[in-house]
Amino acid sequence: MSAARFLVGGKVQGVWFRASARDQAQALGLRGHARNLADGRVEVLAVGDDAAIDELAAWLRIGPPLARVEELERFEADAGEAHVGFSID
């Protein structure tokens, strides 16, 4: 089991990014969370299978239709940070 933290920048708040990320993560069997940051970015924590995390990363580069992703950073994370399921904070 792996864990990754993503910071997504651009037009990513107010465009259903977190809810769409949750839907994608749940479809991939991942757990974690998505939350808005004060600086306008969205943080996504994903825990699960490496291939599923990579697939989520590819989706995060594009996001939902109203989003405009300009920046995506990926960091290793601690799998213990995620609770059951995938939440929007």
PDB file of N, CA and C in Angstrom:
ATOM      1  N   MET A   1       0.843  -1.177   0.000  1.00  0.00           N
ATOM      2  CA  MET A   1       0.000   0.000   0.000  1.00  0.00           C
ATOM      3  C   MET A   1       0.887   1.238   0.000  1.00  0.00           C
ATOM      4  N   SER A   2       0.533   2.178  -0.834  1.00  0.00           N
ATOM      5  CA  SER A   2       1.293   3.417  -0.976  1.00  0.00           C
ATOM      6  C   SER A   2       0.418   4.607  -0.619  1.00  0.00           C
ATOM      7  N   ALA A   3       1.081   5.738  -0.442  1.00  0.00           N
ATOM      8  CA  ALA A   3       0.357   6.979  -0.159  1.00  0.00           C
ATOM      9  C   ALA A   3       1.052   8.127  -0.862  1.00  0.00           C
ATOM     10  N   ALA A   4       0.267   9.049  -1.389  1.00  0.00           N
ATOM     11  CA  ALA A   4       0.811  10.234  -2.058  1.00  0.00           C
ATOM     12  C   ALA A   4      -0.043  11.441  -1.713  1.00  0.00           C
ATOM     13  N   ARG A   5       0.631  12.576  -1.576  1.00  0.00           N
ATOM     14  CA  ARG A   5      -0.045  13.852  -1.348  1.00  0.00           C
ATOM     15  C   ARG A   5       0.171  14.700  -2.594  1.00  0.00           C
ATOM     16  N   PHE A   6      -0.908  15.257  -3.108  1.00  0.00           N
ATOM     17  CA  PHE A   6      -0.855  16.100  -4.303  1.00  0.00           C
ATOM     18  C   PHE A   6      -1.275  17.511  -3.942  1.00  0.00           C
ATOM     19  N   LEU A   7      -0.589  18.479  -4.495  1.00  0.00           N
ATOM     20  CA  LEU A   7      -0.997  19.877  -4.402  1.00  0.00           C
ATOM     21  C   LEU A   7      -1.318  20.328  -5.821  1.00  0.00           C
ATOM     22  N   VAL A   8      -2.553  20.744  -6.029  1.00  0.00           N
ATOM     23  CA  VAL A   8      -3.046  21.083  -7.357  1.00  0.00           C
ATOM     24  C   VAL A   8      -3.329  22.581  -7.400  1.00  0.00           C
ATOM     25  N   GLY A   9      -2.696  23.277  -8.345  1.00  0.00           N
ATOM     26  CA  GLY A   9      -2.874  24.717  -8.464  1.00  0.00           C
ATOM     27  C   GLY A   9      -3.524  25.102  -9.781  1.00  0.00           C
ATOM     28  N   GLY A  10      -4.060  26.294  -9.819  1.00  0.00           N
ATOM     29  CA  GLY A  10      -4.753  26.807 -11.000  1.00  0.00           C
ATOM     30  C   GLY A  10      -6.159  27.198 -10.594  1.00  0.00           C
ATOM     31  N   LYS A  11      -7.086  27.056 -11.515  1.00  0.00           N
ATOM     32  CA  LYS A  11      -8.496  27.310 -11.201  1.00  0.00           C
ATOM     33  C   LYS A  11      -9.087  25.995 -10.707  1.00  0.00           C
ATOM     34  N   VAL A  12      -8.925  25.744  -9.405  1.00  0.00           N
ATOM     35  CA  VAL A  12      -9.321  24.452  -8.852  1.00  0.00           C
ATOM     36  C   VAL A  12     -10.267  24.570  -7.654  1.00  0.00           C
ATOM     37  N   GLN A  13     -10.585  25.780  -7.243  1.00  0.00           N
ATOM     38  CA  GLN A  13     -11.571  25.958  -6.179  1.00  0.00           C
ATOM     39  C   GLN A  13     -12.828  26.564  -6.781  1.00  0.00           C
ATOM     40  N   GLY A  14     -13.978  26.082  -6.315  1.00  0.00           N
ATOM     41  CA  GLY A  14     -15.254  26.579  -6.824  1.00  0.00           C
ATOM     42  C   GLY A  14     -15.657  25.976  -8.157  1.00  0.00           C
ATOM     43  N   VAL A  15     -15.024  24.859  -8.533  1.00  0.00           N
ATOM     44  CA  VAL A  15     -15.318  24.219  -9.824  1.00  0.00           C
ATOM     45  C   VAL A  15     -15.604  22.721  -9.655  1.00  0.00           C
ATOM     46  N   TRP A  16     -16.018  22.313  -8.455  1.00  0.00           N
ATOM     47  CA  TRP A  16     -16.343  20.919  -8.150  1.00  0.00           C
ATOM     48  C   TRP A  16     -15.116  20.002  -8.194  1.00  0.00           C
ATOM     49  N   PHE A  17     -13.929  20.578  -7.977  1.00  0.00           N
ATOM     50  CA  PHE A  17     -12.709  19.777  -8.058  1.00  0.00           C
ATOM     51  C   PHE A  17     -12.656  18.719  -6.958  1.00  0.00           C
ATOM     52  N   ARG A  18     -12.922  19.123  -5.716  1.00  0.00           N
ATOM     53  CA  ARG A  18     -12.822  18.168  -4.605  1.00  0.00           C
ATOM     54  C   ARG A  18     -13.819  17.026  -4.744  1.00  0.00           C
ATOM     55  N   ALA A  19     -15.062  17.344  -5.066  1.00  0.00           N
ATOM     56  CA  ALA A  19     -16.084  16.299  -5.214  1.00  0.00           C
ATOM     57  C   ALA A  19     -15.739  15.365  -6.370  1.00  0.00           C
ATOM     58  N   SER A  20     -15.242  15.929  -7.457  1.00  0.00           N
ATOM     59  CA  SER A  20     -14.863  15.104  -8.611  1.00  0.00           C
ATOM     60  C   SER A  20     -13.657  14.235  -8.277  1.00  0.00           C
ATOM     61  N   ALA A  21     -12.701  14.784  -7.518  1.00  0.00           N
ATOM     62  CA  ALA A  21     -11.532  14.006  -7.104  1.00  0.00           C
ATOM     63  C   ALA A  21     -11.961  12.858  -6.203  1.00  0.00           C
ATOM     64  N   ARG A  22     -12.908  13.130  -5.308  1.00  0.00           N
ATOM     65  CA  ARG A  22     -13.427  12.068  -4.440  1.00  0.00           C
ATOM     66  C   ARG A  22     -14.069  10.963  -5.268  1.00  0.00           C
ATOM     67  N   ASP A  23     -14.882  11.337  -6.247  1.00  0.00           N
ATOM     68  CA  ASP A  23     -15.533  10.339  -7.097  1.00  0.00           C
ATOM     69  C   ASP A  23     -14.506   9.487  -7.827  1.00  0.00           C
ATOM     70  N   GLN A  24     -13.472  10.125  -8.363  1.00  0.00           N
ATOM     71  CA  GLN A  24     -12.416   9.388  -9.071  1.00  0.00           C
ATOM     72  C   GLN A  24     -11.688   8.453  -8.116  1.00  0.00           C
ATOM     73  N   ALA A  25     -11.329   8.966  -6.942  1.00  0.00           N
ATOM     74  CA  ALA A  25     -10.590   8.166  -5.961  1.00  0.00           C
ATOM     75  C   ALA A  25     -11.420   6.960  -5.506  1.00  0.00           C
ATOM     76  N   GLN A  26     -12.695   7.175  -5.239  1.00  0.00           N
ATOM     77  CA  GLN A  26     -13.553   6.072  -4.808  1.00  0.00           C
ATOM     78  C   GLN A  26     -13.686   5.019  -5.905  1.00  0.00           C
ATOM     79  N   ALA A  27     -13.806   5.453  -7.146  1.00  0.00           N
ATOM     80  CA  ALA A  27     -13.911   4.514  -8.265  1.00  0.00           C
ATOM     81  C   ALA A  27     -12.640   3.674  -8.396  1.00  0.00           C
ATOM     82  N   LEU A  28     -11.514   4.240  -7.962  1.00  0.00           N
ATOM     83  CA  LEU A  28     -10.228   3.539  -8.037  1.00  0.00           C
ATOM     84  C   LEU A  28      -9.917   2.752  -6.769  1.00  0.00           C
ATOM     85  N   GLY A  29     -10.814   2.789  -5.798  1.00  0.00           N
ATOM     86  CA  GLY A  29     -10.615   2.047  -4.557  1.00  0.00           C
ATOM     87  C   GLY A  29      -9.620   2.697  -3.604  1.00  0.00           C
ATOM     88  N   LEU A  30      -9.428   3.999  -3.732  1.00  0.00           N
ATOM     89  CA  LEU A  30      -8.485   4.711  -2.872  1.00  0.00           C
ATOM     90  C   LEU A  30      -9.194   5.302  -1.664  1.00  0.00           C
ATOM     91  N   ARG A  31      -8.427   5.539  -0.611  1.00  0.00           N
ATOM     92  CA  ARG A  31      -8.943   6.282   0.528  1.00  0.00           C
ATOM     93  C   ARG A  31      -8.094   7.522   0.710  1.00  0.00           C
ATOM     94  N   GLY A  32      -8.606   8.498   1.450  1.00  0.00           N
ATOM     95  CA  GLY A  32      -7.856   9.721   1.659  1.00  0.00           C
ATOM     96  C   GLY A  32      -8.788  10.903   1.803  1.00  0.00           C
ATOM     97  N   HIS A  33      -8.354  12.057   1.290  1.00  0.00           N
ATOM     98  CA  HIS A  33      -9.175  13.256   1.376  1.00  0.00           C
ATOM     99  C   HIS A  33      -8.777  14.266   0.307  1.00  0.00           C
ATOM    100  N   ALA A  34      -9.675  15.226   0.109  1.00  0.00           N
ATOM    101  CA  ALA A  34      -9.401  16.381  -0.741  1.00  0.00           C
ATOM    102  C   ALA A  34      -9.854  17.601   0.040  1.00  0.00           C
ATOM    103  N   ARG A  35      -9.001  18.639   0.070  1.00  0.00           N
ATOM    104  CA  ARG A  35      -9.389  19.848   0.799  1.00  0.00           C
ATOM    105  C   ARG A  35      -8.802  21.087   0.151  1.00  0.00           C
ATOM    106  N   ASN A  36      -9.562  22.180   0.278  1.00  0.00           N
ATOM    107  CA  ASN A  36      -9.090  23.470  -0.208  1.00  0.00           C
ATOM    108  C   ASN A  36      -8.020  23.999   0.727  1.00  0.00           C
ATOM    109  N   LEU A  37      -7.017  24.647   0.167  1.00  0.00           N
ATOM    110  CA  LEU A  37      -5.994  25.312   0.951  1.00  0.00           C
ATOM    111  C   LEU A  37      -6.208  26.820   0.866  1.00  0.00           C
ATOM    112  N   ALA A  38      -5.731  27.529   1.857  1.00  0.00           N
ATOM    113  CA  ALA A  38      -5.922  28.979   1.924  1.00  0.00           C
ATOM    114  C   ALA A  38      -5.278  29.707   0.745  1.00  0.00           C
ATOM    115  N   ASP A  39      -4.256  29.107   0.129  1.00  0.00           N
ATOM    116  CA  ASP A  39      -3.563  29.766  -0.984  1.00  0.00           C
ATOM    117  C   ASP A  39      -4.218  29.528  -2.339  1.00  0.00           C
ATOM    118  N   GLY A  40      -5.406  28.885  -2.354  1.00  0.00           N
ATOM    119  CA  GLY A  40      -6.139  28.669  -3.599  1.00  0.00           C
ATOM    120  C   GLY A  40      -5.904  27.314  -4.243  1.00  0.00           C
ATOM    121  N   ARG A  41      -4.982  26.535  -3.700  1.00  0.00           N
ATOM    122  CA  ARG A  41      -4.747  25.195  -4.233  1.00  0.00           C
ATOM    123  C   ARG A  41      -5.658  24.189  -3.554  1.00  0.00           C
ATOM    124  N   VAL A  42      -5.676  22.973  -4.104  1.00  0.00           N
ATOM    125  CA  VAL A  42      -6.378  21.854  -3.497  1.00  0.00           C
ATOM    126  C   VAL A  42      -5.336  20.805  -3.139  1.00  0.00           C
ATOM    127  N   GLU A  43      -5.456  20.266  -1.922  1.00  0.00           N
ATOM    128  CA  GLU A  43      -4.597  19.168  -1.483  1.00  0.00           C
ATOM    129  C   GLU A  43      -5.388  17.874  -1.583  1.00  0.00           C
ATOM    130  N   VAL A  44      -4.770  16.855  -2.173  1.00  0.00           N
ATOM    131  CA  VAL A  44      -5.395  15.545  -2.271  1.00  0.00           C
ATOM    132  C   VAL A  44      -4.440  14.529  -1.666  1.00  0.00           C
ATOM    133  N   LEU A  45      -4.922  13.757  -0.702  1.00  0.00           N
ATOM    134  CA  LEU A  45      -4.170  12.650  -0.128  1.00  0.00           C
ATOM    135  C   LEU A  45      -4.802  11.371  -0.638  1.00  0.00           C
ATOM    136  N   ALA A  46      -4.008  10.488  -1.216  1.00  0.00           N
ATOM    137  CA  ALA A  46      -4.520   9.234  -1.752  1.00  0.00           C
ATOM    138  C   ALA A  46      -3.710   8.069  -1.198  1.00  0.00           C
ATOM    139  N   VAL A  47      -4.412   7.054  -0.715  1.00  0.00           N
ATOM    140  CA  VAL A  47      -3.781   5.867  -0.150  1.00  0.00           C
ATOM    141  C   VAL A  47      -4.378   4.640  -0.818  1.00  0.00           C
ATOM    142  N   GLY A  48      -3.502   3.742  -1.288  1.00  0.00           N
ATOM    143  CA  GLY A  48      -3.972   2.517  -1.924  1.00  0.00           C
ATOM    144  C   GLY A  48      -2.933   1.941  -2.856  1.00  0.00           C
ATOM    145  N   ASP A  49      -3.398   1.258  -3.866  1.00  0.00           N
ATOM    146  CA  ASP A  49      -2.551   0.594  -4.851  1.00  0.00           C
ATOM    147  C   ASP A  49      -1.772   1.620  -5.687  1.00  0.00           C
ATOM    148  N   ASP A  50      -0.509   1.309  -5.966  1.00  0.00           N
ATOM    149  CA  ASP A  50       0.338   2.222  -6.744  1.00  0.00           C
ATOM    150  C   ASP A  50      -0.289   2.605  -8.090  1.00  0.00           C
ATOM    151  N   ALA A  51      -0.802   1.613  -8.798  1.00  0.00           N
ATOM    152  CA  ALA A  51      -1.379   1.881 -10.120  1.00  0.00           C
ATOM    153  C   ALA A  51      -2.596   2.795 -10.015  1.00  0.00           C
ATOM    154  N   ALA A  52      -3.406   2.605  -8.969  1.00  0.00           N
ATOM    155  CA  ALA A  52      -4.587   3.443  -8.784  1.00  0.00           C
ATOM    156  C   ALA A  52      -4.184   4.883  -8.452  1.00  0.00           C
ATOM    157  N   ILE A  53      -3.141   5.034  -7.649  1.00  0.00           N
ATOM    158  CA  ILE A  53      -2.656   6.381  -7.326  1.00  0.00           C
ATOM    159  C   ILE A  53      -2.124   7.057  -8.579  1.00  0.00           C
ATOM    160  N   ASP A  54      -1.410   6.317  -9.403  1.00  0.00           N
ATOM    161  CA  ASP A  54      -0.908   6.878 -10.662  1.00  0.00           C
ATOM    162  C   ASP A  54      -2.060   7.293 -11.577  1.00  0.00           C
ATOM    163  N   GLU A  55      -3.117   6.493 -11.601  1.00  0.00           N
ATOM    164  CA  GLU A  55      -4.282   6.824 -12.428  1.00  0.00           C
ATOM    165  C   GLU A  55      -4.974   8.080 -11.907  1.00  0.00           C
ATOM    166  N   LEU A  56      -5.067   8.208 -10.574  1.00  0.00           N
ATOM    167  CA  LEU A  56      -5.637   9.428 -10.002  1.00  0.00           C
ATOM    168  C   LEU A  56      -4.761  10.628 -10.343  1.00  0.00           C
ATOM    169  N   ALA A  57      -3.448  10.455 -10.284  1.00  0.00           N
ATOM    170  CA  ALA A  57      -2.522  11.547 -10.621  1.00  0.00           C
ATOM    171  C   ALA A  57      -2.758  12.032 -12.050  1.00  0.00           C
ATOM    172  N   ALA A  58      -2.975  11.109 -12.972  1.00  0.00           N
ATOM    173  CA  ALA A  58      -3.238  11.488 -14.364  1.00  0.00           C
ATOM    174  C   ALA A  58      -4.538  12.284 -14.458  1.00  0.00           C
ATOM    175  N   TRP A  59      -5.555  11.871 -13.705  1.00  0.00           N
ATOM    176  CA  TRP A  59      -6.819  12.610 -13.709  1.00  0.00           C
ATOM    177  C   TRP A  59      -6.630  13.998 -13.094  1.00  0.00           C
ATOM    178  N   LEU A  60      -5.851  14.103 -12.010  1.00  0.00           N
ATOM    179  CA  LEU A  60      -5.635  15.386 -11.342  1.00  0.00           C
ATOM    180  C   LEU A  60      -4.963  16.404 -12.257  1.00  0.00           C
ATOM    181  N   ARG A  61      -4.200  15.943 -13.239  1.00  0.00           N
ATOM    182  CA  ARG A  61      -3.543  16.859 -14.178  1.00  0.00           C
ATOM    183  C   ARG A  61      -4.559  17.589 -15.056  1.00  0.00           C
ATOM    184  N   ILE A  62      -5.754  17.012 -15.164  1.00  0.00           N
ATOM    185  CA  ILE A  62      -6.810  17.582 -16.014  1.00  0.00           C
ATOM    186  C   ILE A  62      -7.953  18.133 -15.165  1.00  0.00           C
ATOM    187  N   GLY A  63      -8.434  17.341 -14.215  1.00  0.00           N
ATOM    188  CA  GLY A  63      -9.525  17.755 -13.346  1.00  0.00           C
ATOM    189  C   GLY A  63     -10.868  17.734 -14.044  1.00  0.00           C
ATOM    190  N   PRO A  64     -11.898  18.252 -13.362  1.00  0.00           N
ATOM    191  CA  PRO A  64     -13.233  18.286 -13.946  1.00  0.00           C
ATOM    192  C   PRO A  64     -13.326  19.361 -15.024  1.00  0.00           C
ATOM    193  N   PRO A  65     -14.410  19.365 -15.800  1.00  0.00           N
ATOM    194  CA  PRO A  65     -14.521  20.268 -16.950  1.00  0.00           C
ATOM    195  C   PRO A  65     -14.311  21.761 -16.664  1.00  0.00           C
ATOM    196  N   LEU A  66     -14.759  22.276 -15.529  1.00  0.00           N
ATOM    197  CA  LEU A  66     -14.641  23.700 -15.251  1.00  0.00           C
ATOM    198  C   LEU A  66     -13.280  24.104 -14.677  1.00  0.00           C
ATOM    199  N   ALA A  67     -12.465  23.128 -14.327  1.00  0.00           N
ATOM    200  CA  ALA A  67     -11.154  23.414 -13.738  1.00  0.00           C
ATOM    201  C   ALA A  67     -10.120  23.740 -14.807  1.00  0.00           C
ATOM    202  N   ARG A  68      -9.077  24.427 -14.377  1.00  0.00           N
ATOM    203  CA  ARG A  68      -7.913  24.667 -15.234  1.00  0.00           C
ATOM    204  C   ARG A  68      -6.677  24.417 -14.371  1.00  0.00           C
ATOM    205  N   VAL A  69      -6.136  23.214 -14.488  1.00  0.00           N
ATOM    206  CA  VAL A  69      -4.985  22.821 -13.683  1.00  0.00           C
ATOM    207  C   VAL A  69      -3.723  23.397 -14.320  1.00  0.00           C
ATOM    208  N   GLU A  70      -2.991  24.173 -13.529  1.00  0.00           N
ATOM    209  CA  GLU A  70      -1.755  24.789 -13.997  1.00  0.00           C
ATOM    210  C   GLU A  70      -0.525  24.191 -13.326  1.00  0.00           C
ATOM    211  N   GLU A  71      -0.737  23.500 -12.221  1.00  0.00           N
ATOM    212  CA  GLU A  71       0.388  22.985 -11.448  1.00  0.00           C
ATOM    213  C   GLU A  71      -0.046  21.741 -10.684  1.00  0.00           C
ATOM    214  N   LEU A  72       0.792  20.709 -10.694  1.00  0.00           N
ATOM    215  CA  LEU A  72       0.534  19.507  -9.911  1.00  0.00           C
ATOM    216  C   LEU A  72       1.848  19.060  -9.293  1.00  0.00           C
ATOM    217  N   GLU A  73       1.887  19.042  -7.973  1.00  0.00           N
ATOM    218  CA  GLU A  73       3.056  18.554  -7.257  1.00  0.00           C
ATOM    219  C   GLU A  73       2.672  17.266  -6.549  1.00  0.00           C
ATOM    220  N   ARG A  74       3.613  16.327  -6.502  1.00  0.00           N
ATOM    221  CA  ARG A  74       3.360  15.043  -5.848  1.00  0.00           C
ATOM    222  C   ARG A  74       4.448  14.785  -4.816  1.00  0.00           C
ATOM    223  N   PHE A  75       4.017  14.335  -3.631  1.00  0.00           N
ATOM    224  CA  PHE A  75       4.926  14.038  -2.536  1.00  0.00           C
ATOM    225  C   PHE A  75       4.569  12.679  -1.949  1.00  0.00           C
ATOM    226  N   GLU A  76       5.553  12.008  -1.393  1.00  0.00           N
ATOM    227  CA  GLU A  76       5.273  10.782  -0.651  1.00  0.00           C
ATOM    228  C   GLU A  76       4.521  11.174   0.615  1.00  0.00           C
ATOM    229  N   ALA A  77       3.662  10.286   1.103  1.00  0.00           N
ATOM    230  CA  ALA A  77       2.873  10.569   2.296  1.00  0.00           C
ATOM    231  C   ALA A  77       2.832   9.324   3.176  1.00  0.00           C
ATOM    232  N   ASP A  78       2.301   9.494   4.361  1.00  0.00           N
ATOM    233  CA  ASP A  78       2.148   8.414   5.329  1.00  0.00           C
ATOM    234  C   ASP A  78       0.740   7.836   5.185  1.00  0.00           C
ATOM    235  N   ALA A  79       0.653   6.548   4.912  1.00  0.00           N
ATOM    236  CA  ALA A  79      -0.654   5.904   4.720  1.00  0.00           C
ATOM    237  C   ALA A  79      -1.530   6.031   5.955  1.00  0.00           C
ATOM    238  N   GLY A  80      -0.940   6.196   7.122  1.00  0.00           N
ATOM    239  CA  GLY A  80      -1.703   6.332   8.355  1.00  0.00           C
ATOM    240  C   GLY A  80      -2.473   7.636   8.459  1.00  0.00           C
ATOM    241  N   GLU A  81      -2.197   8.589   7.571  1.00  0.00           N
ATOM    242  CA  GLU A  81      -2.912   9.876   7.602  1.00  0.00           C
ATOM    243  C   GLU A  81      -4.351   9.753   7.110  1.00  0.00           C
ATOM    244  N   ALA A  82      -4.637   8.733   6.329  1.00  0.00           N
ATOM    245  CA  ALA A  82      -5.978   8.580   5.738  1.00  0.00           C
ATOM    246  C   ALA A  82      -6.857   7.708   6.622  1.00  0.00           C
ATOM    247  N   HIS A  83      -8.092   8.118   6.764  1.00  0.00           N
ATOM    248  CA  HIS A  83      -9.076   7.334   7.497  1.00  0.00           C
ATOM    249  C   HIS A  83      -9.807   6.425   6.509  1.00  0.00           C
ATOM    250  N   VAL A  84     -10.851   5.802   6.944  1.00  0.00           N
ATOM    251  CA  VAL A  84     -11.654   4.948   6.076  1.00  0.00           C
ATOM    252  C   VAL A  84     -12.366   5.816   5.031  1.00  0.00           C
ATOM    253  N   GLY A  85     -12.405   5.362   3.803  1.00  0.00           N
ATOM    254  CA  GLY A  85     -13.105   6.091   2.749  1.00  0.00           C
ATOM    255  C   GLY A  85     -12.323   7.281   2.225  1.00  0.00           C
ATOM    256  N   PHE A  86     -13.019   8.144   1.529  1.00  0.00           N
ATOM    257  CA  PHE A  86     -12.401   9.331   0.936  1.00  0.00           C
ATOM    258  C   PHE A  86     -13.281  10.516   1.280  1.00  0.00           C
ATOM    259  N   SER A  87     -12.739  11.463   2.011  1.00  0.00           N
ATOM    260  CA  SER A  87     -13.548  12.584   2.496  1.00  0.00           C
ATOM    261  C   SER A  87     -13.178  13.897   1.801  1.00  0.00           C
ATOM    262  N   ILE A  88     -14.102  14.823   1.890  1.00  0.00           N
ATOM    263  CA  ILE A  88     -13.872  16.193   1.455  1.00  0.00           C
ATOM    264  C   ILE A  88     -13.834  17.031   2.715  1.00  0.00           C
ATOM    265  N   ASP A  89     -12.723  17.665   2.939  1.00  0.00           N
ATOM    266  CA  ASP A  89     -12.554  18.495   4.143  1.00  0.00           C
ATOM    267  C   ASP A  89     -12.682  19.965   3.782  1.00  0.00           C
TER     268      ASP A  89
END
